[in-house]
């Protein structure tokens, strides 16, 4: 049986009582981030998560950090077939060739967006109303999987060549990095 929360804090129900999930919920999810390195980390992790549960990726996050050069986009963009094979043999990450190759491709495209827009953050926030994050007020069970903004961002990124970044993954990225705050009303971490 998972550990039960002992702090009596009210949380969004999706994080349950898993200590790792609770820590992520309390300290990261919905918190505004403007650091390109962190935005890139979540780009890699969200792409790895496609089709899997987020807790699966959270449990492997440190392995991803080691395997993917501490989420250094320039280093990952330079990965070659030898690196792909190394990663395919790394039991600490999701060993999916398409996702690994997408991470390398996405790193190259991320660097291009930084050049074109001065930062990935500026690019993303260019889609946001008034360039600011959105604070939603969902009720328990009222979270959405995508929005018109995530549709627009993922469509633009797909045109640029990004892989594993559809509208649902994009919206999860927006939630993870605080572009939207979807903590339910009554959550102590809103």
N, C-alpha and C. Protein backbone atom coordinates (compact mmCIF):
# COMPACT_ATOMS: atom_id res chain seq x y z
N UNK A 1 0.85 -1.19 0.00
CA UNK A 1 0.00 0.00 0.00
C UNK A 1 0.89 1.24 0.00
N UNK A 2 0.57 2.24 -0.87
CA UNK A 2 1.40 3.45 -0.93
C UNK A 2 1.38 4.20 0.40
N UNK A 3 2.47 4.95 0.61
CA UNK A 3 2.52 5.78 1.81
C UNK A 3 1.37 6.77 1.79
N UNK A 4 0.78 7.01 2.93
CA UNK A 4 -0.30 7.98 3.05
C UNK A 4 0.29 9.34 3.40
N UNK A 5 -0.30 10.42 2.85
CA UNK A 5 0.20 11.75 3.21
C UNK A 5 0.05 11.98 4.70
N UNK A 6 1.04 12.60 5.29
CA UNK A 6 1.00 12.84 6.74
C UNK A 6 0.91 14.32 7.07
N UNK A 7 0.86 15.18 6.06
CA UNK A 7 0.90 16.61 6.34
C UNK A 7 -0.48 17.28 6.33
N UNK A 8 -1.54 16.54 6.03
CA UNK A 8 -2.91 17.05 6.01
C UNK A 8 -3.13 18.17 5.01
N UNK A 9 -2.26 18.32 4.03
CA UNK A 9 -2.44 19.32 2.98
C UNK A 9 -3.47 18.79 1.97
N UNK A 10 -4.24 19.70 1.40
CA UNK A 10 -5.20 19.32 0.35
C UNK A 10 -4.49 19.44 -0.99
N UNK A 11 -4.58 18.37 -1.77
CA UNK A 11 -3.90 18.31 -3.06
C UNK A 11 -4.89 17.90 -4.15
N UNK A 12 -4.50 18.15 -5.39
CA UNK A 12 -5.25 17.64 -6.52
C UNK A 12 -5.26 16.12 -6.42
N UNK A 13 -6.37 15.50 -6.72
CA UNK A 13 -6.50 14.06 -6.50
C UNK A 13 -5.59 13.22 -7.40
N UNK A 14 -5.17 13.76 -8.56
CA UNK A 14 -4.39 12.95 -9.50
C UNK A 14 -3.05 12.51 -8.92
N UNK A 15 -2.51 13.23 -7.94
CA UNK A 15 -1.18 12.86 -7.44
C UNK A 15 -1.25 11.74 -6.40
N UNK A 16 -2.44 11.42 -5.92
CA UNK A 16 -2.58 10.30 -4.99
C UNK A 16 -1.70 10.47 -3.77
N UNK A 17 -1.13 9.35 -3.32
CA UNK A 17 -0.31 9.37 -2.11
C UNK A 17 1.13 8.92 -2.35
N UNK A 18 1.52 8.77 -3.61
CA UNK A 18 2.90 8.42 -3.93
C UNK A 18 3.79 9.61 -3.57
N UNK A 19 4.80 9.42 -2.71
CA UNK A 19 5.63 10.55 -2.28
C UNK A 19 6.30 11.30 -3.44
N UNK A 20 6.75 10.60 -4.48
CA UNK A 20 7.39 11.25 -5.61
C UNK A 20 6.38 12.12 -6.37
N UNK A 21 5.19 11.57 -6.58
CA UNK A 21 4.12 12.30 -7.28
C UNK A 21 3.69 13.51 -6.46
N UNK A 22 3.59 13.36 -5.14
CA UNK A 22 3.19 14.46 -4.27
C UNK A 22 4.24 15.57 -4.31
N UNK A 23 5.51 15.19 -4.27
CA UNK A 23 6.60 16.18 -4.32
C UNK A 23 6.54 16.95 -5.64
N UNK A 24 6.35 16.23 -6.75
CA UNK A 24 6.23 16.87 -8.06
C UNK A 24 5.03 17.83 -8.07
N UNK A 25 3.89 17.36 -7.58
CA UNK A 25 2.68 18.19 -7.51
C UNK A 25 2.92 19.45 -6.69
N UNK A 26 3.54 19.28 -5.52
CA UNK A 26 3.71 20.38 -4.57
C UNK A 26 4.75 21.40 -5.02
N UNK A 27 5.82 20.93 -5.66
CA UNK A 27 6.97 21.80 -5.93
C UNK A 27 7.13 22.24 -7.38
N UNK A 28 6.51 21.52 -8.32
CA UNK A 28 6.76 21.84 -9.73
C UNK A 28 5.50 22.10 -10.54
N UNK A 29 4.55 21.21 -10.49
CA UNK A 29 3.40 21.25 -11.39
C UNK A 29 2.63 22.56 -11.21
N UNK A 30 2.47 23.29 -12.30
CA UNK A 30 1.73 24.54 -12.26
C UNK A 30 2.54 25.74 -11.82
N UNK A 31 3.81 25.53 -11.49
CA UNK A 31 4.68 26.64 -11.07
C UNK A 31 5.33 27.25 -12.32
N UNK A 32 5.23 28.54 -12.43
CA UNK A 32 5.71 29.25 -13.61
C UNK A 32 7.23 29.10 -13.77
N UNK A 33 7.64 28.67 -14.97
CA UNK A 33 9.05 28.46 -15.31
C UNK A 33 9.37 29.26 -16.57
N UNK A 34 10.48 29.98 -16.55
CA UNK A 34 10.92 30.72 -17.75
C UNK A 34 12.35 30.35 -18.14
N UNK A 35 12.93 29.38 -17.49
CA UNK A 35 14.30 28.93 -17.75
C UNK A 35 14.27 27.94 -18.91
N UNK A 36 14.94 28.29 -20.01
CA UNK A 36 14.93 27.42 -21.19
C UNK A 36 15.45 26.02 -20.89
N UNK A 37 16.41 25.89 -20.00
CA UNK A 37 16.95 24.56 -19.68
C UNK A 37 15.85 23.68 -19.06
N UNK A 38 15.06 24.24 -18.17
CA UNK A 38 13.97 23.49 -17.55
C UNK A 38 12.87 23.21 -18.58
N UNK A 39 12.57 24.19 -19.41
CA UNK A 39 11.57 23.99 -20.46
C UNK A 39 12.00 22.87 -21.40
N UNK A 40 13.30 22.81 -21.70
CA UNK A 40 13.82 21.74 -22.56
C UNK A 40 13.74 20.39 -21.86
N UNK A 41 14.08 20.36 -20.57
CA UNK A 41 13.97 19.11 -19.81
C UNK A 41 12.56 18.54 -19.92
N UNK A 42 11.56 19.39 -19.73
CA UNK A 42 10.19 18.90 -19.81
C UNK A 42 9.80 18.54 -21.24
N UNK A 43 10.39 19.18 -22.22
CA UNK A 43 10.15 18.80 -23.62
C UNK A 43 10.61 17.36 -23.84
N UNK A 44 11.79 17.02 -23.33
CA UNK A 44 12.33 15.67 -23.47
C UNK A 44 11.48 14.68 -22.66
N UNK A 45 11.19 15.01 -21.42
CA UNK A 45 10.44 14.10 -20.55
C UNK A 45 9.01 13.88 -21.04
N UNK A 46 8.35 14.94 -21.47
CA UNK A 46 6.98 14.79 -21.97
C UNK A 46 6.95 13.94 -23.23
N UNK A 47 7.94 14.09 -24.10
CA UNK A 47 8.01 13.25 -25.29
C UNK A 47 8.22 11.79 -24.94
N UNK A 48 9.03 11.53 -23.92
CA UNK A 48 9.25 10.15 -23.46
C UNK A 48 7.98 9.56 -22.86
N UNK A 49 7.17 10.43 -22.27
CA UNK A 49 5.96 9.98 -21.58
C UNK A 49 4.86 9.54 -22.54
N UNK A 50 4.88 9.99 -23.78
CA UNK A 50 3.79 9.70 -24.72
C UNK A 50 3.36 8.23 -24.64
N UNK A 51 2.09 8.04 -24.31
CA UNK A 51 1.52 6.70 -24.22
C UNK A 51 1.77 6.00 -22.88
N UNK A 52 2.47 6.66 -21.97
CA UNK A 52 2.78 6.07 -20.67
C UNK A 52 2.25 6.98 -19.57
N UNK A 53 2.30 6.52 -18.34
CA UNK A 53 1.89 7.36 -17.22
C UNK A 53 3.04 8.30 -16.85
N UNK A 54 2.70 9.46 -16.33
CA UNK A 54 3.72 10.44 -15.95
C UNK A 54 4.59 9.91 -14.82
N UNK A 55 4.01 9.15 -13.89
CA UNK A 55 4.80 8.62 -12.78
C UNK A 55 5.90 7.69 -13.29
N UNK A 56 5.65 7.00 -14.40
CA UNK A 56 6.67 6.14 -15.01
C UNK A 56 7.90 6.96 -15.38
N UNK A 57 7.68 8.15 -15.92
CA UNK A 57 8.79 9.02 -16.31
C UNK A 57 9.42 9.67 -15.09
N UNK A 58 8.60 10.12 -14.15
CA UNK A 58 9.16 10.73 -12.94
C UNK A 58 10.11 9.79 -12.23
N UNK A 59 9.76 8.52 -12.19
CA UNK A 59 10.62 7.53 -11.53
C UNK A 59 11.93 7.32 -12.27
N UNK A 60 11.99 7.69 -13.52
CA UNK A 60 13.20 7.54 -14.33
C UNK A 60 13.89 8.89 -14.62
N UNK A 61 13.40 9.93 -14.04
CA UNK A 61 13.89 11.28 -14.36
C UNK A 61 15.39 11.41 -14.17
N UNK A 62 15.92 10.93 -13.07
CA UNK A 62 17.37 11.04 -12.84
C UNK A 62 18.15 10.21 -13.85
N UNK A 63 17.59 9.07 -14.25
CA UNK A 63 18.23 8.27 -15.30
C UNK A 63 18.25 9.04 -16.62
N UNK A 64 17.16 9.73 -16.92
CA UNK A 64 17.12 10.56 -18.14
C UNK A 64 18.16 11.67 -18.05
N UNK A 65 18.28 12.27 -16.87
CA UNK A 65 19.26 13.35 -16.69
C UNK A 65 20.67 12.85 -17.03
N UNK A 66 21.01 11.65 -16.55
CA UNK A 66 22.34 11.08 -16.83
C UNK A 66 22.47 10.68 -18.29
N UNK A 67 21.46 10.01 -18.82
CA UNK A 67 21.53 9.49 -20.19
C UNK A 67 21.52 10.60 -21.23
N UNK A 68 20.82 11.70 -20.92
CA UNK A 68 20.67 12.79 -21.87
C UNK A 68 21.45 14.03 -21.44
N UNK A 69 22.71 13.83 -21.07
CA UNK A 69 23.68 14.91 -20.87
C UNK A 69 23.14 16.05 -20.01
N UNK A 70 22.48 15.69 -18.92
CA UNK A 70 21.92 16.68 -18.00
C UNK A 70 20.99 17.66 -18.73
N UNK A 71 20.30 17.14 -19.75
CA UNK A 71 19.35 17.93 -20.55
C UNK A 71 20.01 19.14 -21.21
N UNK A 72 21.24 18.96 -21.65
CA UNK A 72 21.95 20.01 -22.37
C UNK A 72 21.59 19.88 -23.86
N UNK A 73 20.80 20.80 -24.36
CA UNK A 73 20.27 20.72 -25.73
C UNK A 73 21.39 20.66 -26.77
N UNK A 74 22.46 21.42 -26.58
CA UNK A 74 23.55 21.41 -27.57
C UNK A 74 24.23 20.05 -27.62
N UNK A 75 24.44 19.44 -26.47
CA UNK A 75 25.06 18.10 -26.45
C UNK A 75 24.14 17.07 -27.07
N UNK A 76 22.86 17.12 -26.74
CA UNK A 76 21.91 16.14 -27.28
C UNK A 76 21.77 16.32 -28.79
N UNK A 77 21.76 17.56 -29.26
CA UNK A 77 21.66 17.81 -30.70
C UNK A 77 22.83 17.18 -31.46
N UNK A 78 23.95 16.98 -30.79
CA UNK A 78 25.13 16.39 -31.43
C UNK A 78 25.17 14.86 -31.29
N UNK A 79 24.21 14.27 -30.61
CA UNK A 79 24.18 12.81 -30.49
C UNK A 79 24.12 12.18 -31.88
N UNK A 80 24.82 11.05 -32.01
CA UNK A 80 24.82 10.33 -33.29
C UNK A 80 24.28 8.91 -33.07
N UNK A 81 24.45 8.07 -34.08
CA UNK A 81 23.91 6.71 -34.01
C UNK A 81 24.53 5.91 -32.87
N UNK A 82 25.78 6.17 -32.54
CA UNK A 82 26.42 5.51 -31.40
C UNK A 82 25.68 5.84 -30.11
N UNK A 83 25.29 7.10 -29.98
CA UNK A 83 24.52 7.53 -28.80
C UNK A 83 23.14 6.88 -28.78
N UNK A 84 22.51 6.79 -29.94
CA UNK A 84 21.19 6.13 -30.02
C UNK A 84 21.32 4.69 -29.53
N UNK A 85 22.34 3.99 -29.97
CA UNK A 85 22.53 2.60 -29.53
C UNK A 85 22.83 2.52 -28.04
N UNK A 86 23.63 3.45 -27.54
CA UNK A 86 23.91 3.50 -26.10
C UNK A 86 22.60 3.67 -25.33
N UNK A 87 21.75 4.58 -25.79
CA UNK A 87 20.49 4.84 -25.12
C UNK A 87 19.52 3.66 -25.24
N UNK A 88 19.57 2.97 -26.36
CA UNK A 88 18.72 1.79 -26.55
C UNK A 88 19.10 0.68 -25.57
N UNK A 89 20.31 0.71 -25.07
CA UNK A 89 20.78 -0.30 -24.12
C UNK A 89 20.73 0.18 -22.67
N UNK A 90 20.17 1.37 -22.45
CA UNK A 90 20.09 1.94 -21.10
C UNK A 90 18.76 1.56 -20.46
N UNK A 91 18.80 0.61 -19.54
CA UNK A 91 17.57 0.13 -18.89
C UNK A 91 16.94 1.17 -17.98
N UNK A 92 17.61 2.27 -17.72
CA UNK A 92 17.08 3.30 -16.84
C UNK A 92 16.11 4.27 -17.51
N UNK A 93 15.99 4.19 -18.84
CA UNK A 93 15.08 5.07 -19.58
C UNK A 93 14.12 4.20 -20.39
N UNK A 94 13.17 4.84 -21.03
CA UNK A 94 12.27 4.14 -21.94
C UNK A 94 13.04 3.89 -23.23
N UNK A 95 13.25 2.63 -23.54
CA UNK A 95 14.08 2.27 -24.70
C UNK A 95 13.21 2.13 -25.94
N UNK A 96 12.83 3.27 -26.46
CA UNK A 96 12.00 3.35 -27.66
C UNK A 96 12.79 4.16 -28.68
N UNK A 97 13.21 3.51 -29.74
CA UNK A 97 14.09 4.16 -30.73
C UNK A 97 13.47 5.44 -31.28
N UNK A 98 12.18 5.42 -31.59
CA UNK A 98 11.53 6.60 -32.16
C UNK A 98 11.56 7.77 -31.17
N UNK A 99 11.35 7.49 -29.89
CA UNK A 99 11.38 8.55 -28.88
C UNK A 99 12.80 9.07 -28.66
N UNK A 100 13.77 8.20 -28.70
CA UNK A 100 15.16 8.61 -28.55
C UNK A 100 15.58 9.48 -29.73
N UNK A 101 15.27 9.05 -30.94
CA UNK A 101 15.61 9.84 -32.12
C UNK A 101 14.85 11.17 -32.13
N UNK A 102 13.61 11.14 -31.64
CA UNK A 102 12.84 12.39 -31.55
C UNK A 102 13.49 13.37 -30.58
N UNK A 103 14.03 12.88 -29.48
CA UNK A 103 14.70 13.75 -28.51
C UNK A 103 15.88 14.47 -29.17
N UNK A 104 16.61 13.76 -29.99
CA UNK A 104 17.76 14.36 -30.69
C UNK A 104 17.29 15.39 -31.71
N UNK A 105 16.29 15.02 -32.50
CA UNK A 105 15.71 15.95 -33.47
C UNK A 105 15.14 17.18 -32.77
N UNK A 106 14.39 16.95 -31.70
CA UNK A 106 13.77 18.05 -30.98
C UNK A 106 14.82 18.98 -30.35
N UNK A 107 15.95 18.43 -29.95
CA UNK A 107 17.03 19.27 -29.41
C UNK A 107 17.54 20.23 -30.49
N UNK A 108 17.72 19.73 -31.70
CA UNK A 108 18.17 20.58 -32.80
C UNK A 108 17.15 21.68 -33.10
N UNK A 109 15.88 21.29 -33.10
CA UNK A 109 14.83 22.26 -33.40
C UNK A 109 14.65 23.27 -32.26
N UNK A 110 14.83 22.81 -31.04
CA UNK A 110 14.80 23.69 -29.86
C UNK A 110 15.85 24.78 -30.00
N UNK A 111 17.08 24.38 -30.38
CA UNK A 111 18.16 25.36 -30.56
C UNK A 111 17.83 26.36 -31.67
N UNK A 112 17.18 25.89 -32.72
CA UNK A 112 16.78 26.79 -33.81
C UNK A 112 15.74 27.80 -33.32
N UNK A 113 14.79 27.34 -32.52
CA UNK A 113 13.78 28.26 -31.97
C UNK A 113 14.46 29.30 -31.07
N UNK A 114 15.44 28.87 -30.28
CA UNK A 114 16.17 29.84 -29.45
C UNK A 114 16.82 30.92 -30.31
N UNK A 115 17.38 30.53 -31.44
CA UNK A 115 18.01 31.51 -32.35
C UNK A 115 16.96 32.43 -32.95
N UNK A 116 15.84 31.85 -33.37
CA UNK A 116 14.81 32.63 -34.06
C UNK A 116 14.02 33.55 -33.14
N UNK A 117 13.85 33.16 -31.88
CA UNK A 117 12.98 33.91 -30.95
C UNK A 117 13.73 34.44 -29.71
N UNK A 118 15.03 34.30 -29.67
CA UNK A 118 15.88 34.67 -28.53
C UNK A 118 15.79 33.68 -27.38
N UNK A 119 14.68 32.98 -27.24
CA UNK A 119 14.55 31.93 -26.23
C UNK A 119 13.34 31.06 -26.56
N UNK A 120 13.37 29.84 -26.07
CA UNK A 120 12.22 28.95 -26.22
C UNK A 120 11.05 29.50 -25.41
N UNK A 121 11.36 30.08 -24.26
CA UNK A 121 10.35 30.70 -23.42
C UNK A 121 9.60 31.79 -24.19
N UNK A 122 10.32 32.67 -24.87
CA UNK A 122 9.68 33.75 -25.64
C UNK A 122 8.79 33.16 -26.73
N UNK A 123 9.26 32.11 -27.37
CA UNK A 123 8.46 31.44 -28.39
C UNK A 123 7.15 30.93 -27.79
N UNK A 124 7.24 30.16 -26.71
CA UNK A 124 6.03 29.59 -26.10
C UNK A 124 5.07 30.67 -25.62
N UNK A 125 5.60 31.67 -24.92
CA UNK A 125 4.73 32.71 -24.37
C UNK A 125 4.17 33.64 -25.44
N UNK A 126 4.72 33.57 -26.65
CA UNK A 126 4.12 34.29 -27.77
C UNK A 126 2.73 33.78 -28.12
N UNK A 127 2.40 32.58 -27.69
CA UNK A 127 1.08 32.01 -27.93
C UNK A 127 0.09 32.34 -26.80
N UNK A 128 0.60 32.83 -25.69
CA UNK A 128 -0.24 33.06 -24.51
C UNK A 128 -0.90 34.43 -24.56
N UNK A 129 -2.16 34.52 -24.10
CA UNK A 129 -2.84 35.82 -24.07
C UNK A 129 -2.03 36.81 -23.22
N UNK A 130 -1.70 37.93 -23.80
CA UNK A 130 -0.90 38.96 -23.14
C UNK A 130 0.46 38.44 -22.67
N UNK A 131 0.91 37.31 -23.22
CA UNK A 131 2.21 36.74 -22.85
C UNK A 131 2.30 36.30 -21.41
N UNK A 132 1.16 35.98 -20.81
CA UNK A 132 1.13 35.61 -19.39
C UNK A 132 0.53 34.23 -19.19
N UNK A 133 0.87 33.57 -18.07
CA UNK A 133 0.28 32.27 -17.79
C UNK A 133 -1.22 32.40 -17.47
N UNK A 134 -1.90 31.29 -17.57
CA UNK A 134 -3.34 31.23 -17.30
C UNK A 134 -3.55 30.46 -16.00
N UNK A 135 -4.34 31.03 -15.12
CA UNK A 135 -4.73 30.32 -13.89
C UNK A 135 -6.18 29.90 -14.07
N UNK A 136 -6.38 28.60 -14.19
CA UNK A 136 -7.72 28.04 -14.32
C UNK A 136 -8.28 27.74 -12.94
N UNK A 137 -9.56 27.49 -12.89
CA UNK A 137 -10.22 27.17 -11.62
C UNK A 137 -11.03 25.89 -11.78
N UNK A 138 -10.34 24.79 -12.10
CA UNK A 138 -11.09 23.55 -12.29
C UNK A 138 -11.61 22.99 -10.97
N UNK A 139 -12.72 22.32 -11.07
CA UNK A 139 -13.25 21.57 -9.93
C UNK A 139 -12.63 20.17 -10.00
N UNK A 140 -12.73 19.42 -8.93
CA UNK A 140 -12.18 18.06 -8.91
C UNK A 140 -12.70 17.29 -10.11
N UNK A 141 -11.79 16.65 -10.83
CA UNK A 141 -12.15 15.86 -12.01
C UNK A 141 -12.41 16.69 -13.24
N UNK A 142 -12.16 18.01 -13.18
CA UNK A 142 -12.50 18.88 -14.29
C UNK A 142 -11.35 19.29 -15.18
N UNK A 143 -10.25 18.56 -15.17
CA UNK A 143 -9.10 18.93 -16.00
C UNK A 143 -9.35 18.56 -17.46
N UNK A 144 -8.81 19.36 -18.35
CA UNK A 144 -8.91 19.08 -19.77
C UNK A 144 -7.57 18.52 -20.27
N UNK A 145 -7.59 17.93 -21.44
CA UNK A 145 -6.36 17.34 -21.99
C UNK A 145 -5.70 18.22 -23.03
N UNK A 146 -6.44 19.21 -23.54
CA UNK A 146 -5.88 20.11 -24.55
C UNK A 146 -6.76 21.36 -24.60
N UNK A 147 -6.21 22.40 -25.23
CA UNK A 147 -6.94 23.65 -25.41
C UNK A 147 -6.60 24.21 -26.79
N UNK A 148 -7.25 25.29 -27.16
CA UNK A 148 -6.94 25.93 -28.44
C UNK A 148 -5.48 26.39 -28.47
N UNK A 149 -4.95 26.81 -27.31
CA UNK A 149 -3.55 27.26 -27.27
C UNK A 149 -2.60 26.07 -27.46
N UNK A 150 -2.86 24.95 -26.77
CA UNK A 150 -1.99 23.78 -26.97
C UNK A 150 -2.11 23.26 -28.40
N UNK A 151 -3.31 23.38 -28.98
CA UNK A 151 -3.49 23.00 -30.40
C UNK A 151 -2.58 23.86 -31.28
N UNK A 152 -2.58 25.17 -31.04
CA UNK A 152 -1.80 26.09 -31.87
C UNK A 152 -0.30 25.86 -31.71
N UNK A 153 0.15 25.69 -30.46
CA UNK A 153 1.58 25.46 -30.22
C UNK A 153 2.03 24.16 -30.87
N UNK A 154 1.29 23.08 -30.62
CA UNK A 154 1.70 21.77 -31.16
C UNK A 154 1.65 21.77 -32.69
N UNK A 155 0.67 22.46 -33.26
CA UNK A 155 0.58 22.54 -34.72
C UNK A 155 1.80 23.26 -35.29
N UNK A 156 2.18 24.37 -34.65
CA UNK A 156 3.34 25.13 -35.12
C UNK A 156 4.62 24.31 -34.94
N UNK A 157 4.74 23.64 -33.79
CA UNK A 157 5.95 22.84 -33.55
C UNK A 157 6.02 21.67 -34.53
N UNK A 158 4.88 21.07 -34.83
CA UNK A 158 4.86 19.97 -35.79
C UNK A 158 5.32 20.47 -37.17
N UNK A 159 4.87 21.66 -37.57
CA UNK A 159 5.31 22.24 -38.84
C UNK A 159 6.82 22.45 -38.86
N UNK A 160 7.39 22.74 -37.70
CA UNK A 160 8.83 22.95 -37.58
C UNK A 160 9.60 21.63 -37.55
N UNK A 161 8.88 20.51 -37.38
CA UNK A 161 9.52 19.19 -37.40
C UNK A 161 9.59 18.47 -36.07
N UNK A 162 9.06 19.07 -34.99
CA UNK A 162 9.10 18.41 -33.69
C UNK A 162 8.29 17.11 -33.73
N UNK A 163 8.77 16.14 -32.96
CA UNK A 163 8.12 14.83 -32.85
C UNK A 163 7.66 14.62 -31.41
N UNK A 164 6.65 13.79 -31.24
CA UNK A 164 6.11 13.45 -29.92
C UNK A 164 5.75 14.71 -29.13
N UNK A 165 5.05 15.63 -29.80
CA UNK A 165 4.61 16.84 -29.12
C UNK A 165 3.26 17.27 -29.68
N UNK A 166 2.30 16.35 -29.63
CA UNK A 166 0.93 16.66 -30.03
C UNK A 166 0.27 17.55 -29.00
N UNK A 167 -0.98 17.88 -29.23
CA UNK A 167 -1.68 18.84 -28.37
C UNK A 167 -1.82 18.36 -26.92
N UNK A 168 -2.02 17.07 -26.70
CA UNK A 168 -2.16 16.57 -25.33
C UNK A 168 -0.82 16.66 -24.60
N UNK A 169 0.26 16.26 -25.26
CA UNK A 169 1.59 16.37 -24.65
C UNK A 169 1.94 17.84 -24.44
N UNK A 170 1.58 18.68 -25.40
CA UNK A 170 1.84 20.11 -25.27
C UNK A 170 1.12 20.66 -24.04
N UNK A 171 -0.14 20.28 -23.85
CA UNK A 171 -0.88 20.81 -22.70
C UNK A 171 -0.27 20.31 -21.39
N UNK A 172 0.18 19.06 -21.37
CA UNK A 172 0.85 18.54 -20.18
C UNK A 172 2.13 19.34 -19.91
N UNK A 173 2.85 19.71 -20.97
CA UNK A 173 4.05 20.53 -20.83
C UNK A 173 3.67 21.90 -20.27
N UNK A 174 2.58 22.46 -20.75
CA UNK A 174 2.11 23.76 -20.26
C UNK A 174 1.76 23.69 -18.78
N UNK A 175 1.13 22.60 -18.36
CA UNK A 175 0.80 22.42 -16.95
C UNK A 175 2.07 22.24 -16.12
N UNK A 176 2.99 21.43 -16.61
CA UNK A 176 4.21 21.13 -15.87
C UNK A 176 5.06 22.37 -15.64
N UNK A 177 5.03 23.29 -16.59
CA UNK A 177 5.90 24.47 -16.52
C UNK A 177 5.15 25.74 -16.14
N UNK A 178 3.91 25.61 -15.71
CA UNK A 178 3.16 26.75 -15.19
C UNK A 178 2.65 27.72 -16.23
N UNK A 179 2.67 27.35 -17.50
CA UNK A 179 2.02 28.20 -18.50
C UNK A 179 0.52 28.23 -18.19
N UNK A 180 0.04 27.13 -17.63
CA UNK A 180 -1.31 27.07 -17.07
C UNK A 180 -1.20 26.48 -15.67
N UNK A 181 -1.99 27.01 -14.78
CA UNK A 181 -2.07 26.47 -13.42
C UNK A 181 -3.44 25.82 -13.31
N UNK A 182 -3.43 24.49 -13.27
CA UNK A 182 -4.67 23.72 -13.23
C UNK A 182 -4.89 23.06 -11.87
N UNK A 183 -4.23 23.55 -10.83
CA UNK A 183 -4.53 23.03 -9.50
C UNK A 183 -6.00 23.29 -9.23
N UNK A 184 -6.70 22.27 -8.75
CA UNK A 184 -8.14 22.41 -8.52
C UNK A 184 -8.40 23.41 -7.40
N UNK A 185 -9.56 24.03 -7.47
CA UNK A 185 -9.96 24.92 -6.39
C UNK A 185 -9.97 24.12 -5.09
N UNK A 186 -9.41 24.68 -4.06
CA UNK A 186 -9.31 23.99 -2.77
C UNK A 186 -7.96 23.33 -2.54
N UNK A 187 -7.15 23.20 -3.60
CA UNK A 187 -5.81 22.63 -3.44
C UNK A 187 -4.94 23.66 -2.72
N UNK A 188 -4.20 23.20 -1.71
CA UNK A 188 -3.33 24.09 -0.95
C UNK A 188 -2.13 24.59 -1.75
N UNK A 189 -1.93 24.06 -2.96
CA UNK A 189 -0.77 24.42 -3.77
C UNK A 189 -1.14 25.25 -4.98
N UNK A 190 -2.36 25.75 -5.03
CA UNK A 190 -2.83 26.57 -6.16
C UNK A 190 -2.04 27.81 -6.20
